[in-house]
C-alpha atoms as a PDB file:
ATOM      1  CA  UNK A   1      92.546 153.995 -45.320  1.00  0.00           C
ATOM      2  CA  UNK A   2      90.140 151.667 -43.435  1.00  0.00           C
ATOM      3  CA  UNK A   3      87.958 149.776 -46.185  1.00  0.00           C
ATOM      4  CA  UNK A   4      84.798 147.606 -45.261  1.00  0.00           C
ATOM      5  CA  UNK A   5      85.088 143.839 -45.492  1.00  0.00           C
ATOM      6  CA  UNK A   6      83.899 142.526 -48.515  1.00  0.00           C
ATOM      7  CA  UNK A   7      80.667 139.991 -48.195  1.00  0.00           C
ATOM      8  CA  UNK A   8      82.753 137.440 -49.959  1.00  0.00           C
ATOM      9  CA  UNK A   9      85.848 137.522 -47.625  1.00  0.00           C
ATOM     10  CA  UNK A  10      83.475 136.845 -44.418  1.00  0.00           C
ATOM     11  CA  UNK A  11      81.474 134.055 -46.130  1.00  0.00           C
ATOM     12  CA  UNK A  12      83.401 130.911 -45.895  1.00  0.00           C
ATOM     13  CA  UNK A  13      83.108 127.956 -48.216  1.00  0.00           C
ATOM     14  CA  UNK A  14      81.043 125.664 -46.175  1.00  0.00           C
ATOM     15  CA  UNK A  15      81.125 121.935 -47.908  1.00  0.00           C
ATOM     16  CA  UNK A  16      79.800 121.098 -44.228  1.00  0.00           C
ATOM     17  CA  UNK A  17      79.810 117.315 -43.551  1.00  0.00           C
ATOM     18  CA  UNK A  18      78.332 117.309 -40.214  1.00  0.00           C
ATOM     19  CA  UNK A  19      74.274 116.597 -40.578  1.00  0.00           C
ATOM     20  CA  UNK A  20      73.764 119.243 -37.812  1.00  0.00           C
ATOM     21  CA  UNK A  21      74.901 121.573 -40.317  1.00  0.00           C
ATOM     22  CA  UNK A  22      72.092 120.660 -42.927  1.00  0.00           C
ATOM     23  CA  UNK A  23      69.043 121.064 -40.388  1.00  0.00           C
ATOM     24  CA  UNK A  24      67.170 123.933 -41.581  1.00  0.00           C
ATOM     25  CA  UNK A  25      66.004 126.468 -38.342  1.00  0.00           C
ATOM     26  CA  UNK A  26      66.220 129.603 -37.621  1.00  0.00           C
ATOM     27  CA  UNK A  27      69.856 131.737 -36.444  1.00  0.00           C
ATOM     28  CA  UNK A  28      71.362 134.540 -35.326  1.00  0.00           C
ATOM     29  CA  UNK A  29      74.956 135.742 -35.372  1.00  0.00           C
ATOM     30  CA  UNK A  30      76.004 138.375 -33.002  1.00  0.00           C
ATOM     31  CA  UNK A  31      78.982 140.387 -33.395  1.00  0.00           C
ATOM     32  CA  UNK A  32      80.848 141.953 -30.080  1.00  0.00           C
ATOM     33  CA  UNK A  33      84.174 144.081 -29.745  1.00  0.00           C
ATOM     34  CA  UNK A  34      85.462 144.378 -26.396  1.00  0.00           C
ATOM     35  CA  UNK A  35      81.878 143.119 -24.693  1.00  0.00           C
ATOM     36  CA  UNK A  36      80.146 145.744 -26.667  1.00  0.00           C
ATOM     37  CA  UNK A  37      77.351 145.233 -29.540  1.00  0.00           C
ATOM     38  CA  UNK A  38      78.987 145.308 -32.540  1.00  0.00           C
ATOM     39  CA  UNK A  39      76.067 143.659 -34.844  1.00  0.00           C
ATOM     40  CA  UNK A  40      73.444 141.480 -34.657  1.00  0.00           C
ATOM     41  CA  UNK A  41      71.147 140.018 -37.482  1.00  0.00           C
ATOM     42  CA  UNK A  42      69.041 136.881 -37.671  1.00  0.00           C
ATOM     43  CA  UNK A  43      66.313 134.694 -39.325  1.00  0.00           C
ATOM     44  CA  UNK A  44      63.169 133.677 -37.118  1.00  0.00           C
ATOM     45  CA  UNK A  45      63.002 130.404 -39.070  1.00  0.00           C
ATOM     46  CA  UNK A  46      65.245 128.732 -41.635  1.00  0.00           C
ATOM     47  CA  UNK A  47      64.883 128.649 -45.495  1.00  0.00           C
ATOM     48  CA  UNK A  48      68.223 127.435 -45.991  1.00  0.00           C
ATOM     49  CA  UNK A  49      70.890 124.558 -44.111  1.00  0.00           C
ATOM     50  CA  UNK A  50      72.126 125.610 -40.898  1.00  0.00           C
ATOM     51  CA  UNK A  51      75.352 126.386 -42.137  1.00  0.00           C
ATOM     52  CA  UNK A  52      74.335 128.626 -44.923  1.00  0.00           C
ATOM     53  CA  UNK A  53      71.848 130.575 -42.550  1.00  0.00           C
ATOM     54  CA  UNK A  54      74.763 131.160 -40.297  1.00  0.00           C
ATOM     55  CA  UNK A  55      77.186 132.760 -42.969  1.00  0.00           C
ATOM     56  CA  UNK A  56      74.338 134.907 -44.405  1.00  0.00           C
ATOM     57  CA  UNK A  57      73.562 136.265 -40.731  1.00  0.00           C
ATOM     58  CA  UNK A  58      77.356 136.632 -40.030  1.00  0.00           C
ATOM     59  CA  UNK A  59      77.676 138.835 -43.483  1.00  0.00           C
ATOM     60  CA  UNK A  60      74.482 140.547 -42.428  1.00  0.00           C
ATOM     61  CA  UNK A  61      75.800 141.265 -39.062  1.00  0.00           C
ATOM     62  CA  UNK A  62      78.922 142.575 -40.392  1.00  0.00           C
ATOM     63  CA  UNK A  63      77.544 144.653 -43.176  1.00  0.00           C
ATOM     64  CA  UNK A  64      74.200 145.612 -42.962  1.00  0.00           C
ATOM     65  CA  UNK A  65      73.063 145.874 -39.371  1.00  0.00           C
ATOM     66  CA  UNK A  66      71.463 149.584 -39.753  1.00  0.00           C
ATOM     67  CA  UNK A  67      72.431 150.290 -36.147  1.00  0.00           C
ATOM     68  CA  UNK A  68      76.203 149.936 -37.000  1.00  0.00           C
ATOM     69  CA  UNK A  69      78.454 150.967 -39.326  1.00  0.00           C
ATOM     70  CA  UNK A  70      80.008 148.282 -41.611  1.00  0.00           C
ATOM     71  CA  UNK A  71      83.153 146.333 -40.061  1.00  0.00           C
ATOM     72  CA  UNK A  72      86.450 147.114 -41.227  1.00  0.00           C
ATOM     73  CA  UNK A  73      89.095 144.392 -41.781  1.00  0.00           C
ATOM     74  CA  UNK A  74      90.961 146.218 -39.038  1.00  0.00           C
ATOM     75  CA  UNK A  75      88.329 145.140 -36.502  1.00  0.00           C
ATOM     76  CA  UNK A  76      88.055 141.510 -37.673  1.00  0.00           C
ATOM     77  CA  UNK A  77      90.672 140.206 -35.200  1.00  0.00           C
ATOM     78  CA  UNK A  78      88.932 141.750 -32.388  1.00  0.00           C
ATOM     79  CA  UNK A  79      85.599 140.630 -32.990  1.00  0.00           C
ATOM     80  CA  UNK A  80      83.576 137.631 -30.588  1.00  0.00           C
ATOM     81  CA  UNK A  81      81.207 135.839 -32.949  1.00  0.00           C
ATOM     82  CA  UNK A  82      78.539 134.332 -31.139  1.00  0.00           C
ATOM     83  CA  UNK A  83      75.756 132.020 -32.735  1.00  0.00           C
ATOM     84  CA  UNK A  84      72.425 131.106 -31.510  1.00  0.00           C
ATOM     85  CA  UNK A  85      70.550 128.410 -33.102  1.00  0.00           C
ATOM     86  CA  UNK A  86      66.716 128.790 -32.347  1.00  0.00           C
ATOM     87  CA  UNK A  87      64.030 126.141 -31.756  1.00  0.00           C
ATOM     88  CA  UNK A  88      61.042 125.801 -33.574  1.00  0.00           C
ATOM     89  CA  UNK A  89      58.894 128.862 -32.459  1.00  0.00           C
ATOM     90  CA  UNK A  90      56.131 128.230 -30.266  1.00  0.00           C
ATOM     91  CA  UNK A  91      53.349 130.673 -29.690  1.00  0.00           C
ATOM     92  CA  UNK A  92      51.871 131.941 -26.286  1.00  0.00           C
ATOM     93  CA  UNK A  93      49.060 133.338 -25.070  1.00  0.00           C
ATOM     94  CA  UNK A  94      50.912 135.561 -22.156  1.00  0.00           C
ATOM     95  CA  UNK A  95      54.167 136.911 -22.899  1.00  0.00           C
ATOM     96  CA  UNK A  96      54.932 137.248 -18.743  1.00  0.00           C
ATOM     97  CA  UNK A  97      54.734 133.248 -18.737  1.00  0.00           C
ATOM     98  CA  UNK A  98      58.503 133.276 -20.113  1.00  0.00           C
ATOM     99  CA  UNK A  99      61.573 132.660 -18.258  1.00  0.00           C
ATOM    100  CA  UNK A 100      64.128 135.371 -18.971  1.00  0.00           C
ATOM    101  CA  UNK A 101      67.518 133.546 -19.592  1.00  0.00           C
ATOM    102  CA  UNK A 102      65.798 130.859 -21.153  1.00  0.00           C
ATOM    103  CA  UNK A 103      63.148 131.904 -23.428  1.00  0.00           C
ATOM    104  CA  UNK A 104      63.524 134.698 -26.436  1.00  0.00           C
ATOM    105  CA  UNK A 105      60.550 136.622 -27.031  1.00  0.00           C
ATOM    106  CA  UNK A 106      58.933 137.335 -30.508  1.00  0.00           C
ATOM    107  CA  UNK A 107      56.135 140.246 -30.441  1.00  0.00           C
ATOM    108  CA  UNK A 108      54.112 140.594 -33.582  1.00  0.00           C
ATOM    109  CA  UNK A 109      51.287 143.538 -33.791  1.00  0.00           C
ATOM    110  CA  UNK A 110      49.972 144.287 -36.739  1.00  0.00           C
ATOM    111  CA  UNK A 111      53.230 145.282 -38.984  1.00  0.00           C
ATOM    112  CA  UNK A 112      55.356 145.918 -36.254  1.00  0.00           C
ATOM    113  CA  UNK A 113      57.438 143.042 -35.010  1.00  0.00           C
ATOM    114  CA  UNK A 114      60.362 142.679 -32.250  1.00  0.00           C
ATOM    115  CA  UNK A 115      62.421 140.021 -30.987  1.00  0.00           C
ATOM    116  CA  UNK A 116      64.760 139.672 -28.206  1.00  0.00           C
ATOM    117  CA  UNK A 117      66.986 136.786 -27.641  1.00  0.00           C
ATOM    118  CA  UNK A 118      66.985 134.797 -24.152  1.00  0.00           C
ATOM    119  CA  UNK A 119      70.319 135.831 -23.492  1.00  0.00           C
ATOM    120  CA  UNK A 120      69.863 139.712 -23.585  1.00  0.00           C
ATOM    121  CA  UNK A 121      67.826 139.087 -20.147  1.00  0.00           C
ATOM    122  CA  UNK A 122      70.926 137.545 -18.885  1.00  0.00           C
ATOM    123  CA  UNK A 123      73.112 140.064 -19.942  1.00  0.00           C
ATOM    124  CA  UNK A 124      71.048 143.275 -18.572  1.00  0.00           C
ATOM    125  CA  UNK A 125      69.489 141.828 -15.804  1.00  0.00           C
ATOM    126  CA  UNK A 126      66.333 141.884 -16.453  1.00  0.00           C
ATOM    127  CA  UNK A 127      63.553 140.371 -15.123  1.00  0.00           C
ATOM    128  CA  UNK A 128      60.157 139.189 -17.231  1.00  0.00           C
ATOM    129  CA  UNK A 129      58.595 142.777 -17.119  1.00  0.00           C
ATOM    130  CA  UNK A 130      61.654 144.202 -18.325  1.00  0.00           C
ATOM    131  CA  UNK A 131      62.137 141.857 -21.090  1.00  0.00           C
ATOM    132  CA  UNK A 132      58.653 141.980 -22.319  1.00  0.00           C
ATOM    133  CA  UNK A 133      58.873 145.785 -22.076  1.00  0.00           C
ATOM    134  CA  UNK A 134      62.156 145.829 -24.089  1.00  0.00           C
ATOM    135  CA  UNK A 135      60.990 143.608 -26.457  1.00  0.00           C
ATOM    136  CA  UNK A 136      58.092 146.037 -27.309  1.00  0.00           C
ATOM    137  CA  UNK A 137      60.578 148.899 -27.487  1.00  0.00           C
ATOM    138  CA  UNK A 138      62.482 146.848 -29.984  1.00  0.00           C
ATOM    139  CA  UNK A 139      59.223 146.621 -31.971  1.00  0.00           C
ATOM    140  CA  UNK A 140      58.801 150.351 -31.949  1.00  0.00           C
ATOM    141  CA  UNK A 141      55.403 149.813 -29.723  1.00  0.00           C
ATOM    142  CA  UNK A 142      54.527 150.277 -26.367  1.00  0.00           C
ATOM    143  CA  UNK A 143      53.568 148.014 -23.806  1.00  0.00           C
ATOM    144  CA  UNK A 144      50.138 149.496 -23.766  1.00  0.00           C
ATOM    145  CA  UNK A 145      49.543 147.177 -26.367  1.00  0.00           C
ATOM    146  CA  UNK A 146      50.189 143.935 -24.403  1.00  0.00           C
ATOM    147  CA  UNK A 147      46.330 144.616 -22.922  1.00  0.00           C
ATOM    148  CA  UNK A 148      44.753 145.326 -26.553  1.00  0.00           C
ATOM    149  CA  UNK A 149      44.286 141.419 -27.457  1.00  0.00           C
ATOM    150  CA  UNK A 150      45.692 141.682 -31.001  1.00  0.00           C
ATOM    151  CA  UNK A 151      49.128 141.208 -30.166  1.00  0.00           C
ATOM    152  CA  UNK A 152      50.638 137.441 -30.965  1.00  0.00           C
ATOM    153  CA  UNK A 153      53.570 136.307 -29.024  1.00  0.00           C
ATOM    154  CA  UNK A 154      56.142 133.367 -30.026  1.00  0.00           C
ATOM    155  CA  UNK A 155      58.504 132.227 -27.395  1.00  0.00           C
ATOM    156  CA  UNK A 156      61.814 129.576 -28.208  1.00  0.00           C
ATOM    157  CA  UNK A 157      65.270 128.827 -26.710  1.00  0.00           C
ATOM    158  CA  UNK A 158      68.766 129.003 -28.099  1.00  0.00           C
ATOM    159  CA  UNK A 159      71.536 127.121 -28.915  1.00  0.00           C
ATOM    160  CA  UNK A 160      73.898 129.110 -28.104  1.00  0.00           C
ATOM    161  CA  UNK A 161      77.894 128.963 -28.784  1.00  0.00           C
ATOM    162  CA  UNK A 162      80.828 131.116 -29.458  1.00  0.00           C
ATOM    163  CA  UNK A 163      84.272 130.944 -30.509  1.00  0.00           C
ATOM    164  CA  UNK A 164      85.503 131.902 -27.185  1.00  0.00           C
ATOM    165  CA  UNK A 165      83.954 128.504 -25.758  1.00  0.00           C
ATOM    166  CA  UNK A 166      86.616 126.635 -27.559  1.00  0.00           C
ATOM    167  CA  UNK A 167      89.277 128.778 -25.742  1.00  0.00           C
END
């Protein structure tokens, strides 16, 4: 019988000595299995030190991404963990001013919002138009909302690394 991993088994005791791990900023944790997305959860702005945010987002990615069933113990050795540390958000007027693969995009329209990390554009081979449209779709919106003047946009960059960087 395959049982889900318990949250406390995934979250390490983070007694971080590195000062960079104590900064407060947004971060996403992406889980991939055989190159396929297995979970991705993050926060746009930090409320906790980075090492605590990453631990919490790793657990959320594994157990609480509504697109996937919880990660099983048997899957752990198959997962690649990628961490994206976000720069501060920058309000922009034109979402088409971003550079795909460099900038992420956060779209806010009323109660709806959607975000795509910069690497999604590169991984999917999207130009700026496709990236902006897919960010709208992620927010549950159609690209027509871009024309009404009520939509807010923020861009950001990420520092991204994964365990494969160490190999």
